[in-house]
Amino acid sequence: MDSLAYNYCAFFEAILDENSIPDLILNKYGLINLNDKEIKKIKTLEMKRLHLEEKLSYKKIGQKFNLSDSGVYRRIQSYDNRNFKNGRISV
């Protein structure tokens, strides 16, 4: 299958599945390359966004990502502790 067909498949999947994360769809079709660490970071940021912006509970977020509510909480806290030390963003 050529890359144009993959582009269309990714495009339609992103439109039809409202719960999808575009970066993960592009990775699925080989249009971008993400390693496991990058995928985990993208999922964690999506969990954080769902909790803060969409006001979803940890339990509902956990159901979307196949994690327990405490697993979602720990992952978000771990991300925040690594990236926002002493009130500063570390890269």
N, C-alpha and C. Protein backbone atom coordinates (compact mmCIF):
# COMPACT_ATOMS: atom_id res chain seq x y z
N MET A 1 0.86 -1.17 0.00
CA MET A 1 0.00 0.00 0.00
C MET A 1 0.90 1.24 0.00
N ASP A 2 0.58 2.21 -0.81
CA ASP A 2 1.41 3.40 -0.86
C ASP A 2 1.07 4.36 0.28
N SER A 3 1.95 5.35 0.47
CA SER A 3 1.80 6.24 1.62
C SER A 3 0.54 7.09 1.53
N LEU A 4 0.06 7.40 0.32
CA LEU A 4 -1.17 8.17 0.19
C LEU A 4 -2.36 7.40 0.76
N ALA A 5 -2.39 6.11 0.53
CA ALA A 5 -3.47 5.28 1.07
C ALA A 5 -3.39 5.24 2.60
N TYR A 6 -2.17 5.16 3.14
CA TYR A 6 -2.01 5.20 4.60
C TYR A 6 -2.48 6.54 5.16
N ASN A 7 -2.19 7.61 4.44
CA ASN A 7 -2.64 8.93 4.88
C ASN A 7 -4.16 8.98 4.97
N TYR A 8 -4.83 8.44 3.94
CA TYR A 8 -6.29 8.43 3.96
C TYR A 8 -6.83 7.54 5.08
N CYS A 9 -6.23 6.40 5.28
CA CYS A 9 -6.67 5.50 6.36
C CYS A 9 -6.54 6.19 7.72
N ALA A 10 -5.40 6.84 7.94
CA ALA A 10 -5.18 7.55 9.21
C ALA A 10 -6.18 8.70 9.36
N PHE A 11 -6.41 9.42 8.28
CA PHE A 11 -7.35 10.54 8.30
C PHE A 11 -8.75 10.08 8.69
N PHE A 12 -9.24 9.03 8.03
CA PHE A 12 -10.58 8.54 8.31
C PHE A 12 -10.69 7.93 9.71
N GLU A 13 -9.66 7.26 10.16
CA GLU A 13 -9.70 6.71 11.51
C GLU A 13 -9.75 7.82 12.55
N ALA A 14 -9.00 8.88 12.32
CA ALA A 14 -9.00 10.01 13.26
C ALA A 14 -10.37 10.69 13.30
N ILE A 15 -11.03 10.76 12.15
CA ILE A 15 -12.36 11.39 12.10
C ILE A 15 -13.41 10.52 12.75
N LEU A 16 -13.38 9.22 12.46
CA LEU A 16 -14.44 8.33 12.92
C LEU A 16 -14.32 7.94 14.39
N ASP A 17 -13.12 7.92 14.92
CA ASP A 17 -12.92 7.52 16.31
C ASP A 17 -12.64 8.77 17.14
N GLU A 18 -13.66 9.26 17.82
CA GLU A 18 -13.51 10.51 18.58
C GLU A 18 -12.60 10.36 19.80
N ASN A 19 -12.32 9.15 20.23
CA ASN A 19 -11.46 8.94 21.38
C ASN A 19 -10.01 8.70 21.00
N SER A 20 -9.70 8.82 19.74
CA SER A 20 -8.34 8.51 19.28
C SER A 20 -7.39 9.69 19.52
N ILE A 21 -6.11 9.35 19.56
CA ILE A 21 -5.06 10.35 19.68
C ILE A 21 -4.35 10.38 18.33
N PRO A 22 -4.39 11.51 17.62
CA PRO A 22 -3.85 11.58 16.26
C PRO A 22 -2.41 11.08 16.12
N ASP A 23 -1.54 11.42 17.05
CA ASP A 23 -0.14 10.98 16.95
C ASP A 23 -0.03 9.46 16.97
N LEU A 24 -0.87 8.81 17.76
CA LEU A 24 -0.82 7.36 17.84
C LEU A 24 -1.36 6.70 16.57
N ILE A 25 -2.33 7.34 15.95
CA ILE A 25 -2.84 6.82 14.67
C ILE A 25 -1.77 6.94 13.60
N LEU A 26 -1.09 8.09 13.54
CA LEU A 26 -0.02 8.27 12.55
C LEU A 26 1.10 7.27 12.77
N ASN A 27 1.40 6.98 14.02
CA ASN A 27 2.42 5.98 14.34
C ASN A 27 1.97 4.59 13.90
N LYS A 28 0.69 4.29 14.08
CA LYS A 28 0.13 2.98 13.72
C LYS A 28 0.31 2.71 12.22
N TYR A 29 0.14 3.72 11.40
CA TYR A 29 0.26 3.56 9.95
C TYR A 29 1.67 3.83 9.43
N GLY A 30 2.61 4.07 10.34
CA GLY A 30 4.00 4.26 9.94
C GLY A 30 4.29 5.61 9.32
N LEU A 31 3.41 6.58 9.55
CA LEU A 31 3.62 7.91 8.99
C LEU A 31 4.55 8.75 9.85
N ILE A 32 4.64 8.43 11.12
CA ILE A 32 5.67 8.98 12.01
C ILE A 32 6.20 7.82 12.84
N ASN A 33 7.39 7.97 13.35
CA ASN A 33 7.99 6.92 14.16
C ASN A 33 8.13 7.39 15.59
N LEU A 34 7.47 6.69 16.50
CA LEU A 34 7.55 7.00 17.92
C LEU A 34 8.07 5.78 18.66
N ASN A 35 8.94 6.02 19.63
CA ASN A 35 9.39 4.90 20.45
C ASN A 35 8.43 4.75 21.64
N ASP A 36 8.63 3.72 22.44
CA ASP A 36 7.72 3.43 23.56
C ASP A 36 7.66 4.57 24.57
N LYS A 37 8.80 5.21 24.81
CA LYS A 37 8.84 6.32 25.77
C LYS A 37 8.00 7.50 25.28
N GLU A 38 8.09 7.80 23.99
CA GLU A 38 7.31 8.90 23.42
C GLU A 38 5.82 8.58 23.43
N ILE A 39 5.47 7.34 23.16
CA ILE A 39 4.06 6.93 23.18
C ILE A 39 3.50 7.07 24.60
N LYS A 40 4.28 6.65 25.59
CA LYS A 40 3.83 6.76 26.98
C LYS A 40 3.64 8.22 27.37
N LYS A 41 4.55 9.09 26.92
CA LYS A 41 4.44 10.52 27.23
C LYS A 41 3.19 11.11 26.59
N ILE A 42 2.90 10.75 25.33
CA ILE A 42 1.72 11.26 24.65
C ILE A 42 0.45 10.81 25.38
N LYS A 43 0.41 9.54 25.78
CA LYS A 43 -0.75 9.04 26.50
C LYS A 43 -0.91 9.73 27.84
N THR A 44 0.20 9.98 28.54
CA THR A 44 0.14 10.65 29.83
C THR A 44 -0.37 12.07 29.68
N LEU A 45 0.10 12.77 28.67
CA LEU A 45 -0.37 14.14 28.44
C LEU A 45 -1.86 14.15 28.09
N GLU A 46 -2.32 13.16 27.36
CA GLU A 46 -3.74 13.05 27.04
C GLU A 46 -4.55 12.78 28.31
N MET A 47 -4.04 11.93 29.19
CA MET A 47 -4.72 11.66 30.46
C MET A 47 -4.84 12.94 31.28
N LYS A 48 -3.76 13.68 31.32
CA LYS A 48 -3.75 14.94 32.08
C LYS A 48 -4.74 15.93 31.47
N ARG A 49 -4.78 16.02 30.14
CA ARG A 49 -5.71 16.92 29.46
C ARG A 49 -7.16 16.52 29.75
N LEU A 50 -7.45 15.23 29.68
CA LEU A 50 -8.81 14.76 29.96
C LEU A 50 -9.24 15.10 31.37
N HIS A 51 -8.32 15.01 32.31
CA HIS A 51 -8.67 15.30 33.71
C HIS A 51 -8.85 16.80 33.93
N LEU A 52 -7.94 17.61 33.39
CA LEU A 52 -8.00 19.05 33.66
C LEU A 52 -9.01 19.79 32.78
N GLU A 53 -9.04 19.49 31.50
CA GLU A 53 -9.91 20.24 30.59
C GLU A 53 -11.29 19.63 30.44
N GLU A 54 -11.36 18.32 30.31
CA GLU A 54 -12.65 17.64 30.12
C GLU A 54 -13.32 17.29 31.44
N LYS A 55 -12.59 17.44 32.54
CA LYS A 55 -13.11 17.16 33.89
C LYS A 55 -13.56 15.72 34.06
N LEU A 56 -12.85 14.78 33.42
CA LEU A 56 -13.15 13.37 33.59
C LEU A 56 -12.49 12.87 34.87
N SER A 57 -13.12 11.92 35.51
CA SER A 57 -12.54 11.34 36.71
C SER A 57 -11.40 10.40 36.32
N TYR A 58 -10.55 10.08 37.30
CA TYR A 58 -9.45 9.15 37.05
C TYR A 58 -10.00 7.78 36.65
N LYS A 59 -11.13 7.42 37.21
CA LYS A 59 -11.73 6.12 36.89
C LYS A 59 -12.14 6.05 35.42
N LYS A 60 -12.79 7.10 34.91
CA LYS A 60 -13.21 7.12 33.50
C LYS A 60 -12.01 7.17 32.56
N ILE A 61 -10.99 7.91 32.94
CA ILE A 61 -9.77 7.96 32.13
C ILE A 61 -9.12 6.58 32.12
N GLY A 62 -9.08 5.93 33.27
CA GLY A 62 -8.51 4.60 33.38
C GLY A 62 -9.22 3.59 32.49
N GLN A 63 -10.53 3.73 32.37
CA GLN A 63 -11.29 2.83 31.50
C GLN A 63 -10.90 3.03 30.04
N LYS A 64 -10.62 4.25 29.65
CA LYS A 64 -10.21 4.53 28.26
C LYS A 64 -8.83 3.95 27.95
N PHE A 65 -7.95 3.94 28.95
CA PHE A 65 -6.57 3.52 28.73
C PHE A 65 -6.24 2.17 29.36
N ASN A 66 -7.26 1.48 29.84
CA ASN A 66 -7.08 0.16 30.48
C ASN A 66 -6.14 0.22 31.68
N LEU A 67 -6.34 1.20 32.52
CA LEU A 67 -5.58 1.36 33.76
C LEU A 67 -6.56 1.53 34.91
N SER A 68 -6.05 1.32 36.12
CA SER A 68 -6.88 1.61 37.30
C SER A 68 -6.86 3.11 37.54
N ASP A 69 -7.79 3.58 38.37
CA ASP A 69 -7.81 5.01 38.67
C ASP A 69 -6.53 5.45 39.39
N SER A 70 -6.01 4.59 40.26
CA SER A 70 -4.76 4.94 40.94
C SER A 70 -3.58 4.91 39.98
N GLY A 71 -3.64 4.05 38.96
CA GLY A 71 -2.58 4.01 37.95
C GLY A 71 -2.52 5.30 37.14
N VAL A 72 -3.70 5.82 36.81
CA VAL A 72 -3.76 7.10 36.08
C VAL A 72 -3.20 8.22 36.96
N TYR A 73 -3.63 8.25 38.21
CA TYR A 73 -3.15 9.29 39.14
C TYR A 73 -1.63 9.23 39.29
N ARG A 74 -1.10 8.02 39.50
CA ARG A 74 0.35 7.88 39.69
C ARG A 74 1.12 8.27 38.44
N ARG A 75 0.60 7.92 37.27
CA ARG A 75 1.30 8.27 36.04
C ARG A 75 1.35 9.79 35.84
N ILE A 76 0.24 10.47 36.11
CA ILE A 76 0.21 11.94 35.97
C ILE A 76 1.12 12.58 36.99
N GLN A 77 1.08 12.11 38.24
CA GLN A 77 1.94 12.67 39.28
C GLN A 77 3.41 12.44 38.97
N SER A 78 3.74 11.27 38.49
CA SER A 78 5.12 10.96 38.13
C SER A 78 5.61 11.88 37.02
N TYR A 79 4.76 12.10 36.02
CA TYR A 79 5.12 12.99 34.92
C TYR A 79 5.36 14.41 35.45
N ASP A 80 4.43 14.90 36.29
CA ASP A 80 4.58 16.25 36.84
C ASP A 80 5.84 16.38 37.69
N ASN A 81 6.13 15.37 38.51
CA ASN A 81 7.32 15.43 39.36
C ASN A 81 8.61 15.45 38.55
N ARG A 82 8.63 14.72 37.43
CA ARG A 82 9.82 14.70 36.58
C ARG A 82 10.00 15.99 35.80
N ASN A 83 8.92 16.59 35.37
CA ASN A 83 9.00 17.71 34.43
C ASN A 83 8.80 19.09 35.04
N PHE A 84 8.33 19.17 36.26
CA PHE A 84 8.08 20.46 36.87
C PHE A 84 8.71 20.54 38.26
N LYS A 85 10.01 20.39 38.30
CA LYS A 85 10.72 20.43 39.58
C LYS A 85 10.96 21.88 39.98
N ASN A 86 10.72 22.21 41.24
CA ASN A 86 10.96 23.54 41.80
C ASN A 86 10.23 24.63 41.00
N GLY A 87 9.06 24.32 40.50
CA GLY A 87 8.29 25.31 39.77
C GLY A 87 8.83 25.65 38.38
N ARG A 88 9.83 24.89 37.93
CA ARG A 88 10.43 25.14 36.63
C ARG A 88 10.24 23.92 35.74
N ILE A 89 10.06 24.18 34.49
CA ILE A 89 9.92 23.10 33.52
C ILE A 89 11.30 22.61 33.14
N SER A 90 11.53 21.30 33.30
CA SER A 90 12.81 20.74 32.89
C SER A 90 12.62 20.02 31.58
N VAL A 91 13.57 20.16 30.71
CA VAL A 91 13.46 19.57 29.37
C VAL A 91 14.29 18.33 29.29
